Amino acid sequence: MLKLTDNRKTSFKKNQFNTFGLMYGLPENGGTCPGATTGDGGCLDVRDGLKRQTCYMAKIVAIYKSVGNVLAANTALLTGKTVDEMEVVCKETVEAFIKKSKGTDLFFRLHYSGDFFSKEYTEAWARVIAQFPQVRFWVYTRSHDMIDPLLGLDNITVFLSCDPSNFDKAKKVFEDKKEKHKNLGMAFMGNDAPEAEKHRWVKCPEITGKVNNETAGACSKCRLCVDNYKVRVKNIQFPIH
């Protein structure tokens, strides 16, 4: 079973463990993010005086060594395993989440760190998500070529994570699939979202300070990324902060 995290932003109630993380970064560096971007404005761009990568997890892991240990342990439970083996791990994780949440506020975010590292891993999660229709899942992913098993499911919202260095590729996937799959959106990382009039980006209200995490996580109040839409999910912009 994966170790779950009580995330201040994603929790739908106090002390709710409703997300988990895997090791961030490119697979050749021990990460689970084959779609990570290293170009200008990318998630692994290097811009500050410490030469730290843009990915927010680089800073967190540098400060909190225990977080890195959890990410490494979770990753080890999944990498190198078969689809069936990964399905067992993911299913046990969701079952533990439901039990810990006492069957209420069943909203679950995949990957506060890391990503879909293989098509087999994505398939394992698709199998598990289909088994728990009472749970509402959401995920942001740069593994744009691995999402198909998820798009036919009614209880997950999928965002194509993008930035200036991979926006054109993400947009093509989005345009090809958006009419058939209303649960697919784009999530842009950066302060100048492209083609604003066409894509009608909504800035994350937690980052802009319109929604806070005081009594419950901001995601529980906003829910634009989760289930707060009728026709189709909105495209979200995450300004760099």
Protein backbone atom coordinates (compact mmCIF):
# COMPACT_ATOMS: atom_id res chain seq x y z
CA MET A 1 0.00 0.00 0.00
CA LEU A 2 1.22 3.49 -0.87
CA LYS A 3 1.82 5.93 1.97
CA LEU A 4 -0.86 8.62 1.79
CA THR A 5 -0.37 12.27 2.64
CA ASP A 6 -2.48 14.84 4.46
CA ASN A 7 -2.14 17.65 1.92
CA ARG A 8 -3.23 21.07 3.14
CA LYS A 9 -4.55 22.11 -0.27
CA THR A 10 -6.25 18.94 -1.51
CA SER A 11 -7.86 17.73 1.74
CA PHE A 12 -11.64 17.93 1.83
CA LYS A 13 -11.72 17.82 5.61
CA LYS A 14 -9.29 18.12 8.49
CA ASN A 15 -6.61 15.43 8.65
CA GLN A 16 -7.76 13.75 5.46
CA PHE A 17 -5.10 11.67 3.72
CA ASN A 18 -6.31 11.86 0.12
CA THR A 19 -3.24 11.93 -2.08
CA PHE A 20 0.18 10.33 -2.51
CA GLY A 21 3.46 11.07 -4.20
CA LEU A 22 6.07 9.30 -6.28
CA MET A 23 9.61 10.45 -6.98
CA TYR A 24 9.68 13.48 -9.25
CA GLY A 25 12.03 13.97 -12.21
CA LEU A 26 13.02 12.08 -15.32
CA PRO A 27 13.15 8.26 -15.15
CA GLU A 28 16.87 8.24 -15.98
CA ASN A 29 17.40 10.24 -12.80
CA GLY A 30 15.23 7.98 -10.65
CA GLY A 31 11.99 9.89 -11.19
CA THR A 32 8.61 8.84 -12.57
CA CYS A 33 8.00 11.74 -14.95
CA PRO A 34 8.83 10.75 -18.55
CA GLY A 35 7.03 13.86 -19.78
CA ALA A 36 8.95 16.30 -17.58
CA THR A 37 10.15 19.35 -19.50
CA THR A 38 13.64 20.83 -19.25
CA GLY A 39 13.27 23.66 -21.75
CA ASP A 40 12.63 27.35 -21.07
CA GLY A 41 9.72 27.58 -18.64
CA GLY A 42 9.61 23.81 -18.16
CA CYS A 43 8.97 21.98 -14.91
CA LEU A 44 12.64 21.00 -14.66
CA ASP A 45 14.00 24.34 -15.85
CA VAL A 46 16.71 25.81 -13.63
CA ARG A 47 16.27 29.49 -12.84
CA ASP A 48 17.20 30.57 -9.33
CA GLY A 49 20.56 31.28 -7.72
CA LEU A 50 20.61 27.85 -6.10
CA LYS A 51 20.32 26.17 -9.50
CA ARG A 52 17.26 24.40 -8.17
CA GLN A 53 14.77 22.94 -10.64
CA THR A 54 11.47 24.77 -11.11
CA CYS A 55 9.49 21.72 -9.93
CA TYR A 56 8.12 22.63 -6.52
CA MET A 57 9.01 19.16 -5.23
CA ALA A 58 12.72 19.89 -5.66
CA LYS A 59 12.46 22.57 -3.00
CA ILE A 60 10.27 20.48 -0.69
CA VAL A 61 12.54 17.45 -0.84
CA ALA A 62 15.61 19.62 -0.27
CA ILE A 63 14.05 21.04 2.91
CA TYR A 64 12.22 17.96 4.18
CA LYS A 65 14.37 14.86 3.73
CA SER A 66 11.59 12.63 5.10
CA VAL A 67 9.36 13.56 2.15
CA GLY A 68 11.97 12.28 -0.27
CA ASN A 69 12.13 9.02 1.68
CA VAL A 70 8.35 8.58 1.35
CA LEU A 71 8.45 9.31 -2.38
CA ALA A 72 11.24 6.79 -2.86
CA ALA A 73 9.42 4.10 -0.87
CA ASN A 74 6.17 4.60 -2.79
CA THR A 75 8.02 4.48 -6.10
CA ALA A 76 9.74 1.23 -5.15
CA LEU A 77 6.35 -0.41 -4.55
CA LEU A 78 5.36 0.17 -8.18
CA THR A 79 8.33 0.31 -10.52
CA GLY A 80 9.36 -2.96 -12.07
CA LYS A 81 6.03 -4.58 -11.21
CA THR A 82 3.39 -6.15 -13.46
CA VAL A 83 0.02 -4.54 -14.12
CA ASP A 84 -1.66 -7.01 -11.78
CA GLU A 85 0.86 -6.34 -9.01
CA MET A 86 0.47 -2.59 -9.36
CA GLU A 87 -3.31 -2.94 -9.37
CA VAL A 88 -3.16 -4.65 -5.97
CA VAL A 89 -1.03 -1.83 -4.51
CA CYS A 90 -3.30 0.90 -5.90
CA LYS A 91 -6.48 -0.86 -4.83
CA GLU A 92 -5.23 -1.34 -1.29
CA THR A 93 -4.33 2.36 -1.23
CA VAL A 94 -7.83 3.47 -2.22
CA GLU A 95 -9.43 1.06 0.23
CA ALA A 96 -7.31 2.51 3.02
CA PHE A 97 -8.27 6.03 1.95
CA ILE A 98 -11.98 5.19 2.06
CA LYS A 99 -11.63 3.60 5.47
CA LYS A 100 -9.60 6.50 6.88
CA SER A 101 -12.14 8.97 5.46
CA LYS A 102 -14.96 6.94 7.03
CA GLY A 103 -16.72 6.74 3.69
CA THR A 104 -17.32 10.49 3.36
CA ASP A 105 -15.72 13.26 1.29
CA LEU A 106 -14.31 10.70 -1.10
CA PHE A 107 -12.17 12.92 -3.32
CA PHE A 108 -8.74 11.60 -4.23
CA ARG A 109 -5.88 13.25 -6.11
CA LEU A 110 -3.37 11.07 -7.90
CA HIS A 111 0.26 12.18 -7.66
CA TYR A 112 1.02 15.33 -5.70
CA SER A 113 4.49 14.36 -6.91
CA GLY A 114 5.49 12.10 -9.79
CA ASP A 115 3.46 10.90 -12.74
CA PHE A 116 2.32 7.99 -14.87
CA PHE A 117 5.67 6.37 -15.67
CA SER A 118 4.36 3.63 -17.97
CA LYS A 119 1.25 2.60 -19.86
CA GLU A 120 1.02 -0.44 -17.60
CA TYR A 121 0.93 1.76 -14.52
CA THR A 122 -1.81 3.90 -16.05
CA GLU A 123 -3.78 0.76 -16.85
CA ALA A 124 -3.46 -0.39 -13.23
CA TRP A 125 -4.98 2.86 -12.01
CA ALA A 126 -7.72 2.73 -14.65
CA ARG A 127 -8.75 -0.70 -13.38
CA VAL A 128 -8.82 0.49 -9.78
CA ILE A 129 -10.70 3.73 -10.48
CA ALA A 130 -13.40 1.75 -12.30
CA GLN A 131 -13.87 -0.36 -9.16
CA PHE A 132 -14.59 2.64 -6.93
CA PRO A 133 -17.33 4.75 -8.60
CA GLN A 134 -18.09 6.37 -5.24
CA VAL A 135 -14.67 8.05 -5.27
CA ARG A 136 -13.99 11.14 -7.37
CA PHE A 137 -10.42 11.24 -8.66
CA TRP A 138 -8.42 13.98 -10.36
CA VAL A 139 -4.90 14.12 -11.78
CA TYR A 140 -2.46 16.43 -13.57
CA THR A 141 -0.11 14.62 -15.94
CA ARG A 142 2.64 15.29 -18.46
CA SER A 143 2.47 11.71 -19.69
CA HIS A 144 0.12 12.81 -22.45
CA ASP A 145 0.53 9.65 -24.49
CA MET A 146 -0.60 7.41 -21.62
CA ILE A 147 -3.99 8.85 -20.66
CA ASP A 148 -6.38 6.91 -22.91
CA PRO A 149 -7.31 4.21 -20.35
CA LEU A 150 -8.52 6.97 -18.00
CA LEU A 151 -10.62 9.03 -20.37
CA GLY A 152 -13.49 6.59 -20.64
CA LEU A 153 -14.06 6.64 -16.88
CA ASP A 154 -16.80 8.80 -15.37
CA ASN A 155 -15.18 9.41 -11.98
CA ILE A 156 -11.85 11.01 -12.88
CA THR A 157 -10.87 14.39 -14.30
CA VAL A 158 -7.62 14.45 -16.27
CA PHE A 159 -5.51 17.54 -16.89
CA LEU A 160 -2.73 17.73 -19.46
CA SER A 161 0.00 19.58 -17.59
CA CYS A 162 1.83 21.98 -19.85
CA ASP A 163 4.15 24.97 -19.92
CA PRO A 164 5.82 27.12 -22.62
CA SER A 165 8.10 24.27 -23.67
CA ASN A 166 5.43 21.61 -24.32
CA PHE A 167 2.24 23.60 -24.85
CA ASP A 168 1.93 22.87 -28.57
CA LYS A 169 2.13 19.10 -27.96
CA ALA A 170 -0.40 19.27 -25.12
CA LYS A 171 -2.76 21.40 -27.20
CA LYS A 172 -2.72 18.88 -30.03
CA VAL A 173 -3.66 16.03 -27.68
CA PHE A 174 -6.36 18.19 -26.13
CA GLU A 175 -7.84 19.25 -29.47
CA ASP A 176 -7.85 15.65 -30.71
CA LYS A 177 -9.70 14.30 -27.66
CA LYS A 178 -11.71 17.11 -26.08
CA GLU A 179 -14.96 16.62 -28.01
CA LYS A 180 -15.27 13.00 -27.00
CA HIS A 181 -14.00 13.38 -23.44
CA LYS A 182 -15.50 16.18 -21.37
CA ASN A 183 -13.36 15.21 -18.38
CA LEU A 184 -10.15 16.30 -20.16
CA GLY A 185 -8.62 19.74 -19.67
CA MET A 186 -5.30 21.55 -19.80
CA ALA A 187 -3.35 22.86 -16.81
CA PHE A 188 -0.78 25.51 -17.73
CA MET A 189 2.19 26.28 -15.47
CA GLY A 190 3.33 29.84 -16.02
CA ASN A 191 2.38 33.47 -15.74
CA ASP A 192 1.49 34.08 -19.38
CA ALA A 193 -0.97 31.43 -20.54
CA PRO A 194 -1.08 31.26 -24.37
CA GLU A 195 -4.13 31.82 -26.55
CA ALA A 196 -6.11 33.16 -23.61
CA GLU A 197 -9.23 34.04 -25.61
CA LYS A 198 -9.45 30.58 -27.14
CA HIS A 199 -8.70 28.46 -24.09
CA ARG A 200 -10.27 30.74 -21.45
CA TRP A 201 -7.82 29.86 -18.70
CA VAL A 202 -9.04 30.13 -15.12
CA LYS A 203 -6.30 31.00 -12.64
CA CYS A 204 -6.13 28.67 -9.66
CA PRO A 205 -7.95 30.65 -6.93
CA GLU A 206 -5.73 29.17 -4.21
CA ILE A 207 -2.59 30.57 -5.81
CA THR A 208 -4.21 33.98 -6.42
CA GLY A 209 -5.44 34.12 -2.81
CA LYS A 210 -9.16 34.05 -3.56
CA VAL A 211 -9.61 30.73 -1.75
CA ASN A 212 -7.60 29.66 1.29
CA ASN A 213 -6.81 26.47 3.18
CA GLU A 214 -7.89 27.58 6.64
CA THR A 215 -10.87 25.37 7.52
CA ALA A 216 -10.49 22.88 4.68
CA GLY A 217 -8.34 22.54 1.60
CA ALA A 218 -8.85 25.10 -1.15
CA CYS A 219 -9.63 22.33 -3.60
CA SER A 220 -12.70 21.38 -1.57
CA LYS A 221 -14.04 24.92 -1.86
CA CYS A 222 -13.21 25.55 -5.51
CA ARG A 223 -13.55 22.09 -7.07
CA LEU A 224 -12.97 23.40 -10.61
CA CYS A 225 -10.37 20.67 -11.09
CA VAL A 226 -12.52 18.02 -9.46
CA ASP A 227 -16.18 18.09 -10.43
CA ASN A 228 -17.35 21.71 -10.55
CA TYR A 229 -18.43 21.72 -14.18
CA LYS A 230 -21.51 20.81 -16.17
CA VAL A 231 -20.55 20.85 -19.83
CA ARG A 232 -16.80 20.23 -19.65
CA VAL A 233 -13.89 20.82 -17.30
CA LYS A 234 -12.26 24.26 -17.48
CA ASN A 235 -8.64 24.84 -18.42
CA ILE A 236 -6.66 25.92 -15.36
CA GLN A 237 -3.63 28.21 -15.11
CA PHE A 238 -1.17 27.83 -12.25
CA PRO A 239 0.89 31.05 -12.06
CA ILE A 240 4.44 30.52 -10.83
CA HIS A 241 4.71 31.67 -7.22
